[in-house]
Amino acid sequence: MSFRVTVPCTRAQGEAVAEMDEHPGFGESPPVLVADEPDEARPNEWLIHAYFEREPTGEEIALLTSLGCGPPQIEQLGEADWVTMSQAGLQPIRTGRFFVHMPTYRSHPPGTIAFEIDASLAFGTGQHATTSGCLEALDRLEREGAKFTNIADIGTGTGLLAFAALRLWPGARAVASDIDPVCAPVIADNARRNRLRIGAHPGELAIAIAAGMNDRLLRACGPYDLLIANILAGPLVELAADFADAVPPRGNLVLAGLLAAQERAVRAAYRAAGFAFVERLVNGDWSILWLRRRFVG
């Protein structure tokens, strides 16, 4: 049997759920945590949902309650695919020219670049402020005339940001990479859904499973004139030197997954690695950074 625990929360509490994936209070079989905004007219009234493959303990319910600001609701879900259910009710999102929706939502506004992203064990459906912020940043780059021919999406999850980059720069080569092996079939399936080809030629997407940049395929496909990394602030700092090796002078980085309060440390690490700050986009409490590798001549 699987279970769902739902706790009312503020927007800030909901966005903070992204940091709670490995909270020690959840034991050896932690739940999948997601948060959503059920009513756009009430932007500060969010819900935290925790999906368990087993019955949650009293301590786990108390921990979840402490993450929000209201009493928990506990539901038994039976033998259904609880991970799919965690995303199936999500509403489509629109950011810039992009419109991202679940398979259950069939229509989309005219003039948008639409993506159907299936619910799965890999996350990245555009709902989180960091993902939607990256989509907005990519849209802005293309509108301002940026052109890229070789693109990497590190920490890709469902592949969404790599897909968006290929739609904006259809002649580019692209590689989508994630540390979690479950992402490879998810990316491939979502690519098929959205009529994107898997491969290593212009207009195609290669898939890599790797920790950071430590992968033969990632090295072979570089250097990258655009590298996107939507992960967390700590790994971003750790990867600054590796990204510098993968991005040539005048190449570009779009970095996300960092709270505005963490921005100073991330920018300092990339300044030391040879990158110059170009622009920032703030989405809620989160910063999305556009950096460019300095040319030394």
C-alpha atoms as a PDB file:
ATOM      1  CA  MET A   1       0.000   0.000   0.000  1.00  0.00           C
ATOM      2  CA  SER A   2       1.106   3.567  -0.638  1.00  0.00           C
ATOM      3  CA  PHE A   3       0.153   6.700   1.277  1.00  0.00           C
ATOM      4  CA  ARG A   4       0.003  10.447   0.713  1.00  0.00           C
ATOM      5  CA  VAL A   5       0.388  13.016   3.481  1.00  0.00           C
ATOM      6  CA  THR A   6      -0.679  16.570   2.575  1.00  0.00           C
ATOM      7  CA  VAL A   7       0.241  19.595   4.703  1.00  0.00           C
ATOM      8  CA  PRO A   8      -0.801  23.234   4.099  1.00  0.00           C
ATOM      9  CA  CYS A   9       2.161  25.585   3.769  1.00  0.00           C
ATOM     10  CA  THR A  10       3.291  29.002   2.617  1.00  0.00           C
ATOM     11  CA  ARG A  11       4.981  29.514  -0.733  1.00  0.00           C
ATOM     12  CA  ALA A  12       8.385  29.842   0.962  1.00  0.00           C
ATOM     13  CA  GLN A  13       7.840  26.582   2.845  1.00  0.00           C
ATOM     14  CA  GLY A  14       6.744  24.824  -0.341  1.00  0.00           C
ATOM     15  CA  GLU A  15       9.784  25.962  -2.299  1.00  0.00           C
ATOM     16  CA  ALA A  16      12.051  24.858   0.566  1.00  0.00           C
ATOM     17  CA  VAL A  17      10.814  21.280   0.048  1.00  0.00           C
ATOM     18  CA  ALA A  18      13.395  20.987  -2.753  1.00  0.00           C
ATOM     19  CA  GLU A  19      16.065  20.887  -0.068  1.00  0.00           C
ATOM     20  CA  MET A  20      14.387  18.114   1.974  1.00  0.00           C
ATOM     21  CA  ASP A  21      14.884  15.041  -0.232  1.00  0.00           C
ATOM     22  CA  GLU A  22      17.331  13.364   2.159  1.00  0.00           C
ATOM     23  CA  HIS A  23      16.071  14.562   5.527  1.00  0.00           C
ATOM     24  CA  PRO A  24      17.310  11.989   8.098  1.00  0.00           C
ATOM     25  CA  GLY A  25      13.982  11.956   9.903  1.00  0.00           C
ATOM     26  CA  PHE A  26      12.406   9.974   7.065  1.00  0.00           C
ATOM     27  CA  GLY A  27      14.488   6.853   7.615  1.00  0.00           C
ATOM     28  CA  GLU A  28      15.676   4.374   4.981  1.00  0.00           C
ATOM     29  CA  SER A  29      12.687   4.695   2.636  1.00  0.00           C
ATOM     30  CA  PRO A  30      11.999   8.432   2.367  1.00  0.00           C
ATOM     31  CA  PRO A  31       8.926   9.789   0.625  1.00  0.00           C
ATOM     32  CA  VAL A  32       8.841  11.763  -2.597  1.00  0.00           C
ATOM     33  CA  LEU A  33       8.167  15.379  -1.637  1.00  0.00           C
ATOM     34  CA  VAL A  34       6.433  17.799  -3.989  1.00  0.00           C
ATOM     35  CA  ALA A  35       4.696  21.129  -3.474  1.00  0.00           C
ATOM     36  CA  ASP A  36       2.149  22.974  -5.550  1.00  0.00           C
ATOM     37  CA  GLU A  37       0.022  26.095  -5.683  1.00  0.00           C
ATOM     38  CA  PRO A  38      -3.573  24.827  -5.971  1.00  0.00           C
ATOM     39  CA  ASP A  39      -5.140  28.266  -6.452  1.00  0.00           C
ATOM     40  CA  GLU A  40      -3.369  31.020  -8.408  1.00  0.00           C
ATOM     41  CA  ALA A  41      -5.635  33.573  -6.745  1.00  0.00           C
ATOM     42  CA  ARG A  42      -4.006  32.645  -3.412  1.00  0.00           C
ATOM     43  CA  PRO A  43      -0.280  32.652  -4.262  1.00  0.00           C
ATOM     44  CA  ASN A  44       0.892  32.202  -0.681  1.00  0.00           C
ATOM     45  CA  GLU A  45      -1.320  29.189   0.078  1.00  0.00           C
ATOM     46  CA  TRP A  46       0.572  26.092  -1.069  1.00  0.00           C
ATOM     47  CA  LEU A  47       0.423  22.398  -0.254  1.00  0.00           C
ATOM     48  CA  ILE A  48       3.233  19.965   0.529  1.00  0.00           C
ATOM     49  CA  HIS A  49       2.553  16.380  -0.592  1.00  0.00           C
ATOM     50  CA  ALA A  50       4.612  13.436   0.657  1.00  0.00           C
ATOM     51  CA  TYR A  51       4.188  10.107  -1.183  1.00  0.00           C
ATOM     52  CA  PHE A  52       5.202   6.967   0.719  1.00  0.00           C
ATOM     53  CA  GLU A  53       5.522   3.379  -0.540  1.00  0.00           C
ATOM     54  CA  ARG A  54       4.545   2.304   2.980  1.00  0.00           C
ATOM     55  CA  GLU A  55       2.570   3.618   5.920  1.00  0.00           C
ATOM     56  CA  PRO A  56       4.319   6.687   7.389  1.00  0.00           C
ATOM     57  CA  THR A  57       5.298   6.636  11.051  1.00  0.00           C
ATOM     58  CA  GLY A  58       4.027   9.091  13.610  1.00  0.00           C
ATOM     59  CA  GLU A  59       7.455  10.709  13.732  1.00  0.00           C
ATOM     60  CA  GLU A  60       7.441  11.184   9.950  1.00  0.00           C
ATOM     61  CA  ILE A  61       3.971  12.746  10.021  1.00  0.00           C
ATOM     62  CA  ALA A  62       5.132  15.097  12.779  1.00  0.00           C
ATOM     63  CA  LEU A  63       8.197  16.016  10.709  1.00  0.00           C
ATOM     64  CA  LEU A  64       6.063  16.768   7.663  1.00  0.00           C
ATOM     65  CA  THR A  65       3.695  18.859   9.779  1.00  0.00           C
ATOM     66  CA  SER A  66       6.665  20.908  10.982  1.00  0.00           C
ATOM     67  CA  LEU A  67       7.536  21.751   7.358  1.00  0.00           C
ATOM     68  CA  GLY A  68       4.181  23.481   6.822  1.00  0.00           C
ATOM     69  CA  CYS A  69       1.673  25.548   8.770  1.00  0.00           C
ATOM     70  CA  GLY A  70      -1.409  23.406   9.236  1.00  0.00           C
ATOM     71  CA  PRO A  71      -2.743  19.975  10.187  1.00  0.00           C
ATOM     72  CA  PRO A  72      -1.823  17.000   7.972  1.00  0.00           C
ATOM     73  CA  GLN A  73      -4.243  15.002   5.840  1.00  0.00           C
ATOM     74  CA  ILE A  74      -3.358  11.304   5.406  1.00  0.00           C
ATOM     75  CA  GLU A  75      -4.695   9.202   2.510  1.00  0.00           C
ATOM     76  CA  GLN A  76      -4.206   5.553   1.619  1.00  0.00           C
ATOM     77  CA  LEU A  77      -3.620   5.239  -2.138  1.00  0.00           C
ATOM     78  CA  GLY A  78      -3.656   1.470  -2.581  1.00  0.00           C
ATOM     79  CA  GLU A  79      -1.391  -0.087  -5.179  1.00  0.00           C
ATOM     80  CA  ALA A  80      -1.494   2.807  -7.645  1.00  0.00           C
ATOM     81  CA  ASP A  81       1.651   4.338  -9.135  1.00  0.00           C
ATOM     82  CA  TRP A  82       2.159   6.881  -6.379  1.00  0.00           C
ATOM     83  CA  VAL A  83       5.016   8.691  -8.106  1.00  0.00           C
ATOM     84  CA  THR A  84       2.861   9.304 -11.170  1.00  0.00           C
ATOM     85  CA  MET A  85       0.024  10.445  -8.914  1.00  0.00           C
ATOM     86  CA  SER A  86       2.372  12.956  -7.283  1.00  0.00           C
ATOM     87  CA  GLN A  87       2.589  14.808 -10.583  1.00  0.00           C
ATOM     88  CA  ALA A  88      -0.589  13.869 -12.435  1.00  0.00           C
ATOM     89  CA  GLY A  89      -2.604  16.680 -10.878  1.00  0.00           C
ATOM     90  CA  LEU A  90      -0.088  19.402 -11.651  1.00  0.00           C
ATOM     91  CA  GLN A  91      -1.405  22.229 -13.761  1.00  0.00           C
ATOM     92  CA  PRO A  92       0.399  23.292 -16.944  1.00  0.00           C
ATOM     93  CA  ILE A  93       2.904  26.105 -16.606  1.00  0.00           C
ATOM     94  CA  ARG A  94       3.645  28.888 -19.048  1.00  0.00           C
ATOM     95  CA  THR A  95       6.893  30.822 -18.923  1.00  0.00           C
ATOM     96  CA  GLY A  96       8.172  32.913 -21.795  1.00  0.00           C
ATOM     97  CA  ARG A  97       7.170  31.118 -24.978  1.00  0.00           C
ATOM     98  CA  PHE A  98       7.126  27.726 -23.255  1.00  0.00           C
ATOM     99  CA  PHE A  99       4.067  25.762 -22.195  1.00  0.00           C
ATOM    100  CA  VAL A 100       4.746  22.568 -20.208  1.00  0.00           C
ATOM    101  CA  HIS A 101       1.987  20.085 -19.419  1.00  0.00           C
ATOM    102  CA  MET A 102       1.301  16.546 -18.247  1.00  0.00           C
ATOM    103  CA  PRO A 103       0.038  13.896 -20.725  1.00  0.00           C
ATOM    104  CA  THR A 104      -3.480  14.291 -19.307  1.00  0.00           C
ATOM    105  CA  TYR A 105      -3.603  17.874 -20.595  1.00  0.00           C
ATOM    106  CA  ARG A 106      -3.984  17.754 -24.374  1.00  0.00           C
ATOM    107  CA  SER A 107      -4.440  21.333 -25.584  1.00  0.00           C
ATOM    108  CA  HIS A 108      -2.046  24.240 -25.510  1.00  0.00           C
ATOM    109  CA  PRO A 109      -2.233  27.951 -26.346  1.00  0.00           C
ATOM    110  CA  PRO A 110      -1.402  28.872 -29.952  1.00  0.00           C
ATOM    111  CA  GLY A 111       1.997  30.391 -30.548  1.00  0.00           C
ATOM    112  CA  THR A 112       3.664  28.597 -27.639  1.00  0.00           C
ATOM    113  CA  ILE A 113       6.468  26.049 -27.627  1.00  0.00           C
ATOM    114  CA  ALA A 114       4.704  23.146 -25.934  1.00  0.00           C
ATOM    115  CA  PHE A 115       6.249  20.152 -24.173  1.00  0.00           C
ATOM    116  CA  GLU A 116       4.461  17.090 -22.837  1.00  0.00           C
ATOM    117  CA  ILE A 117       6.446  15.804 -19.866  1.00  0.00           C
ATOM    118  CA  ASP A 118       5.333  12.492 -18.399  1.00  0.00           C
ATOM    119  CA  ALA A 119       5.247  12.003 -14.642  1.00  0.00           C
ATOM    120  CA  SER A 120       8.016   9.626 -13.607  1.00  0.00           C
ATOM    121  CA  LEU A 121      10.789   8.941 -11.133  1.00  0.00           C
ATOM    122  CA  ALA A 122      12.820  11.760 -12.691  1.00  0.00           C
ATOM    123  CA  PHE A 123      11.682  15.243 -11.770  1.00  0.00           C
ATOM    124  CA  GLY A 124      11.647  18.456 -13.751  1.00  0.00           C
ATOM    125  CA  THR A 125       8.159  19.306 -14.972  1.00  0.00           C
ATOM    126  CA  GLY A 126       8.634  23.075 -14.921  1.00  0.00           C
ATOM    127  CA  GLN A 127       6.667  23.577 -11.697  1.00  0.00           C
ATOM    128  CA  HIS A 128       9.621  24.542  -9.535  1.00  0.00           C
ATOM    129  CA  ALA A 129      10.801  28.153  -9.654  1.00  0.00           C
ATOM    130  CA  THR A 130      14.318  27.122 -10.686  1.00  0.00           C
ATOM    131  CA  THR A 131      13.116  25.168 -13.742  1.00  0.00           C
ATOM    132  CA  SER A 132      10.623  27.791 -14.865  1.00  0.00           C
ATOM    133  CA  GLY A 133      13.285  30.437 -14.272  1.00  0.00           C
ATOM    134  CA  CYS A 134      15.722  28.568 -16.526  1.00  0.00           C
ATOM    135  CA  LEU A 135      13.065  28.336 -19.235  1.00  0.00           C
ATOM    136  CA  GLU A 136      12.543  32.083 -18.977  1.00  0.00           C
ATOM    137  CA  ALA A 137      16.300  32.700 -19.130  1.00  0.00           C
ATOM    138  CA  LEU A 138      16.692  30.554 -22.261  1.00  0.00           C
ATOM    139  CA  ASP A 139      13.751  32.302 -23.895  1.00  0.00           C
ATOM    140  CA  ARG A 140      15.310  35.686 -23.120  1.00  0.00           C
ATOM    141  CA  LEU A 141      18.716  34.632 -24.482  1.00  0.00           C
ATOM    142  CA  GLU A 142      17.230  33.604 -27.813  1.00  0.00           C
ATOM    143  CA  ARG A 143      15.108  36.760 -28.071  1.00  0.00           C
ATOM    144  CA  GLU A 144      18.247  38.858 -27.487  1.00  0.00           C
ATOM    145  CA  GLY A 145      19.946  37.172 -30.446  1.00  0.00           C
ATOM    146  CA  ALA A 146      22.149  34.566 -28.757  1.00  0.00           C
ATOM    147  CA  LYS A 147      23.143  31.639 -30.989  1.00  0.00           C
ATOM    148  CA  PHE A 148      24.524  28.340 -29.732  1.00  0.00           C
ATOM    149  CA  THR A 149      25.792  25.263 -31.528  1.00  0.00           C
ATOM    150  CA  ASN A 150      26.821  22.918 -28.686  1.00  0.00           C
ATOM    151  CA  ILE A 151      24.712  22.673 -25.533  1.00  0.00           C
ATOM    152  CA  ALA A 152      24.903  20.666 -22.287  1.00  0.00           C
ATOM    153  CA  ASP A 153      22.154  20.323 -19.665  1.00  0.00           C
ATOM    154  CA  ILE A 154      23.718  19.039 -16.425  1.00  0.00           C
ATOM    155  CA  GLY A 155      21.289  17.647 -13.854  1.00  0.00           C
ATOM    156  CA  THR A 156      18.659  17.335 -16.553  1.00  0.00           C
ATOM    157  CA  GLY A 157      16.027  15.191 -14.750  1.00  0.00           C
ATOM    158  CA  THR A 158      13.256  14.737 -17.318  1.00  0.00           C
ATOM    159  CA  GLY A 159      15.285  16.420 -20.075  1.00  0.00           C
ATOM    160  CA  LEU A 160      13.033  19.492 -20.193  1.00  0.00           C
ATOM    161  CA  LEU A 161      15.711  22.197 -20.314  1.00  0.00           C
ATOM    162  CA  ALA A 162      17.682  20.337 -22.979  1.00  0.00           C
ATOM    163  CA  PHE A 163      14.479  19.999 -25.020  1.00  0.00           C
ATOM    164  CA  ALA A 164      13.802  23.724 -24.655  1.00  0.00           C
ATOM    165  CA  ALA A 165      17.316  24.601 -25.807  1.00  0.00           C
ATOM    166  CA  LEU A 166      16.972  22.391 -28.892  1.00  0.00           C
ATOM    167  CA  ARG A 167      13.667  24.007 -29.795  1.00  0.00           C
ATOM    168  CA  LEU A 168      15.263  27.459 -29.582  1.00  0.00           C
ATOM    169  CA  TRP A 169      18.469  26.451 -31.384  1.00  0.00           C
ATOM    170  CA  PRO A 170      17.350  23.509 -33.562  1.00  0.00           C
ATOM    171  CA  GLY A 171      20.653  23.175 -35.398  1.00  0.00           C
ATOM    172  CA  ALA A 172      22.672  22.662 -32.215  1.00  0.00           C
ATOM    173  CA  ARG A 173      24.082  19.477 -30.793  1.00  0.00           C
ATOM    174  CA  ALA A 174      22.936  18.828 -27.235  1.00  0.00           C
ATOM    175  CA  VAL A 175      23.670  16.421 -24.411  1.00  0.00           C
ATOM    176  CA  ALA A 176      21.481  15.867 -21.345  1.00  0.00           C
ATOM    177  CA  SER A 177      23.178  14.427 -18.263  1.00  0.00           C
ATOM    178  CA  ASP A 178      22.073  13.372 -14.800  1.00  0.00           C
ATOM    179  CA  ILE A 179      23.619  11.489 -11.897  1.00  0.00           C
ATOM    180  CA  ASP A 180      20.524   9.256 -11.473  1.00  0.00           C
ATOM    181  CA  PRO A 181      20.380   6.243 -13.857  1.00  0.00           C
ATOM    182  CA  VAL A 182      16.566   6.284 -13.817  1.00  0.00           C
ATOM    183  CA  CYS A 183      16.700   9.489 -15.872  1.00  0.00           C
ATOM    184  CA  ALA A 184      18.035   7.861 -19.060  1.00  0.00           C
ATOM    185  CA  PRO A 185      14.842   6.028 -20.081  1.00  0.00           C
ATOM    186  CA  VAL A 186      12.728   8.952 -18.867  1.00  0.00           C
ATOM    187  CA  ILE A 187      14.631  11.410 -21.071  1.00  0.00           C
ATOM    188  CA  ALA A 188      14.394   9.070 -24.049  1.00  0.00           C
ATOM    189  CA  ASP A 189      10.642   8.589 -23.570  1.00  0.00           C
ATOM    190  CA  ASN A 190       9.995  12.300 -23.168  1.00  0.00           C
ATOM    191  CA  ALA A 191      12.123  13.033 -26.223  1.00  0.00           C
ATOM    192  CA  ARG A 192       9.965  10.648 -28.247  1.00  0.00           C
ATOM    193  CA  ARG A 193       6.785  12.274 -26.925  1.00  0.00           C
ATOM    194  CA  ASN A 194       8.047  15.643 -28.067  1.00  0.00           C
ATOM    195  CA  ARG A 195       9.457  14.504 -31.437  1.00  0.00           C
ATOM    196  CA  LEU A 196      13.093  15.100 -30.527  1.00  0.00           C
ATOM    197  CA  ARG A 197      15.714  12.737 -31.931  1.00  0.00           C
ATOM    198  CA  ILE A 198      18.267  10.919 -29.791  1.00  0.00           C
ATOM    199  CA  GLY A 199      21.770  10.986 -31.249  1.00  0.00           C
ATOM    200  CA  ALA A 200      24.996  12.948 -31.582  1.00  0.00           C
ATOM    201  CA  HIS A 201      24.304  14.931 -34.752  1.00  0.00           C
ATOM    202  CA  PRO A 202      23.106  18.539 -35.088  1.00  0.00           C
ATOM    203  CA  GLY A 203      19.514  18.805 -33.915  1.00  0.00           C
ATOM    204  CA  GLU A 204      19.799  15.622 -31.819  1.00  0.00           C
ATOM    205  CA  LEU A 205      20.122  14.914 -28.100  1.00  0.00           C
ATOM    206  CA  ALA A 206      22.708  12.633 -26.516  1.00  0.00           C
ATOM    207  CA  ILE A 207      22.094  11.192 -23.029  1.00  0.00           C
ATOM    208  CA  ALA A 208      24.735  10.673 -20.336  1.00  0.00           C
ATOM    209  CA  ILE A 209      24.550   9.323 -16.786  1.00  0.00           C
ATOM    210  CA  ALA A 210      27.382  10.909 -14.836  1.00  0.00           C
ATOM    211  CA  ALA A 211      28.372  12.650 -11.624  1.00  0.00           C
ATOM    212  CA  GLY A 212      29.189  16.172 -12.714  1.00  0.00           C
ATOM    213  CA  MET A 213      31.396  16.296 -15.806  1.00  0.00           C
ATOM    214  CA  ASN A 214      33.231  13.028 -15.104  1.00  0.00           C
ATOM    215  CA  ASP A 215      32.061  11.144 -18.182  1.00  0.00           C
ATOM    216  CA  ARG A 216      33.634  10.147 -21.481  1.00  0.00           C
ATOM    217  CA  LEU A 217      30.620  11.227 -23.537  1.00  0.00           C
ATOM    218  CA  LEU A 218      30.434  14.641 -21.858  1.00  0.00           C
ATOM    219  CA  ARG A 219      34.119  15.209 -22.521  1.00  0.00           C
ATOM    220  CA  ALA A 220      33.855  14.016 -26.116  1.00  0.00           C
ATOM    221  CA  CYS A 221      30.864  16.245 -26.885  1.00  0.00           C
ATOM    222  CA  GLY A 222      32.468  19.416 -25.471  1.00  0.00           C
ATOM    223  CA  PRO A 223      33.409  22.182 -25.370  1.00  0.00           C
ATOM    224  CA  TYR A 224      29.990  23.769 -24.882  1.00  0.00           C
ATOM    225  CA  ASP A 225      29.104  27.309 -25.870  1.00  0.00           C
ATOM    226  CA  LEU A 226      26.033  26.967 -23.603  1.00  0.00           C
ATOM    227  CA  LEU A 227      26.032  24.881 -20.417  1.00  0.00           C
ATOM    228  CA  ILE A 228      22.887  24.775 -18.239  1.00  0.00           C
ATOM    229  CA  ALA A 229      23.084  23.432 -14.685  1.00  0.00           C
ATOM    230  CA  ASN A 230      19.960  23.413 -12.513  1.00  0.00           C
ATOM    231  CA  ILE A 231      21.183  21.562  -9.435  1.00  0.00           C
ATOM    232  CA  LEU A 232      21.972  22.925  -5.943  1.00  0.00           C
ATOM    233  CA  ALA A 233      24.311  25.623  -4.666  1.00  0.00           C
ATOM    234  CA  GLY A 234      26.825  23.232  -3.085  1.00  0.00           C
ATOM    235  CA  PRO A 235      27.396  21.104  -6.198  1.00  0.00           C
ATOM    236  CA  LEU A 236      27.480  24.263  -8.338  1.00  0.00           C
ATOM    237  CA  VAL A 237      30.385  25.592  -6.272  1.00  0.00           C
ATOM    238  CA  GLU A 238      32.166  22.231  -6.430  1.00  0.00           C
ATOM    239  CA  LEU A 239      31.764  22.029 -10.212  1.00  0.00           C
ATOM    240  CA  ALA A 240      33.032  25.532 -11.041  1.00  0.00           C
ATOM    241  CA  ALA A 241      36.486  24.377 -12.186  1.00  0.00           C
ATOM    242  CA  ASP A 242      35.041  21.443 -14.169  1.00  0.00           C
ATOM    243  CA  PHE A 243      32.571  23.746 -15.937  1.00  0.00           C
ATOM    244  CA  ALA A 244      35.445  26.106 -16.740  1.00  0.00           C
ATOM    245  CA  ASP A 245      37.225  23.201 -18.458  1.00  0.00           C
ATOM    246  CA  ALA A 246      34.079  22.399 -20.459  1.00  0.00           C
ATOM    247  CA  VAL A 247      33.194  25.948 -21.578  1.00  0.00           C
ATOM    248  CA  PRO A 248      35.535  27.850 -23.940  1.00  0.00           C
ATOM    249  CA  PRO A 249      36.303  31.580 -23.709  1.00  0.00           C
ATOM    250  CA  ARG A 250      33.142  33.601 -24.406  1.00  0.00           C
ATOM    251  CA  GLY A 251      31.050  30.477 -23.727  1.00  0.00           C
ATOM    252  CA  ASN A 252      27.949  30.820 -21.553  1.00  0.00           C
ATOM    253  CA  LEU A 253      26.595  29.301 -18.340  1.00  0.00           C
ATOM    254  CA  VAL A 254      23.040  29.352 -17.011  1.00  0.00           C
ATOM    255  CA  LEU A 255      23.135  28.288 -13.355  1.00  0.00           C
ATOM    256  CA  ALA A 256      20.117  27.566 -11.145  1.00  0.00           C
ATOM    257  CA  GLY A 257      19.123  25.693  -8.009  1.00  0.00           C
ATOM    258  CA  LEU A 258      20.525  28.345  -5.695  1.00  0.00           C
ATOM    259  CA  LEU A 259      18.592  30.499  -3.283  1.00  0.00           C
ATOM    260  CA  ALA A 260      19.169  34.243  -3.541  1.00  0.00           C
ATOM    261  CA  ALA A 261      20.941  34.020  -0.168  1.00  0.00           C
ATOM    262  CA  GLN A 262      23.444  31.554  -1.691  1.00  0.00           C
ATOM    263  CA  GLU A 263      24.178  33.640  -4.762  1.00  0.00           C
ATOM    264  CA  ARG A 264      27.249  35.428  -3.399  1.00  0.00           C
ATOM    265  CA  ALA A 265      29.136  32.181  -2.727  1.00  0.00           C
ATOM    266  CA  VAL A 266      28.255  30.750  -6.153  1.00  0.00           C
ATOM    267  CA  ARG A 267      29.265  33.916  -7.998  1.00  0.00           C
ATOM    268  CA  ALA A 268      32.561  34.044  -6.086  1.00  0.00           C
ATOM    269  CA  ALA A 269      33.408  30.460  -7.065  1.00  0.00           C
ATOM    270  CA  TYR A 270      32.727  31.130 -10.745  1.00  0.00           C
ATOM    271  CA  ARG A 271      34.576  34.447 -10.725  1.00  0.00           C
ATOM    272  CA  ALA A 272      37.619  32.569  -9.434  1.00  0.00           C
ATOM    273  CA  ALA A 273      37.120  29.958 -12.188  1.00  0.00           C
ATOM    274  CA  GLY A 274      37.262  32.600 -14.926  1.00  0.00           C
ATOM    275  CA  PHE A 275      33.613  33.539 -15.483  1.00  0.00           C
ATOM    276  CA  ALA A 276      32.125  37.022 -15.615  1.00  0.00           C
ATOM    277  CA  PHE A 277      28.646  37.856 -14.397  1.00  0.00           C
ATOM    278  CA  VAL A 278      26.259  38.923 -17.177  1.00  0.00           C
ATOM    279  CA  GLU A 279      22.742  38.942 -15.758  1.00  0.00           C
ATOM    280  CA  ARG A 280      20.530  37.466 -13.056  1.00  0.00           C
ATOM    281  CA  LEU A 281      16.873  36.536 -13.007  1.00  0.00           C
ATOM    282  CA  VAL A 282      15.041  36.217  -9.684  1.00  0.00           C
ATOM    283  CA  ASN A 283      12.078  33.861  -9.430  1.00  0.00           C
ATOM    284  CA  GLY A 284      10.662  33.932  -5.917  1.00  0.00           C
ATOM    285  CA  ASP A 285      13.490  33.153  -3.491  1.00  0.00           C
ATOM    286  CA  TRP A 286      15.633  31.624  -6.242  1.00  0.00           C
ATOM    287  CA  SER A 287      18.328  33.137  -8.451  1.00  0.00           C
ATOM    288  CA  ILE A 288      19.118  32.119 -12.021  1.00  0.00           C
ATOM    289  CA  LEU A 289      22.539  33.351 -13.162  1.00  0.00           C
ATOM    290  CA  TRP A 290      23.860  33.991 -16.657  1.00  0.00           C
ATOM    291  CA  LEU A 291      27.664  33.948 -16.716  1.00  0.00           C
ATOM    292  CA  ARG A 292      30.204  34.112 -19.537  1.00  0.00           C
ATOM    293  CA  ARG A 293      33.708  32.653 -19.629  1.00  0.00           C
ATOM    294  CA  ARG A 294      36.237  35.458 -19.782  1.00  0.00           C
ATOM    295  CA  PHE A 295      38.569  35.740 -22.765  1.00  0.00           C
ATOM    296  CA  VAL A 296      42.197  36.190 -21.811  1.00  0.00           C
ATOM    297  CA  GLY A 297      44.312  37.220 -24.766  1.00  0.00           C
END
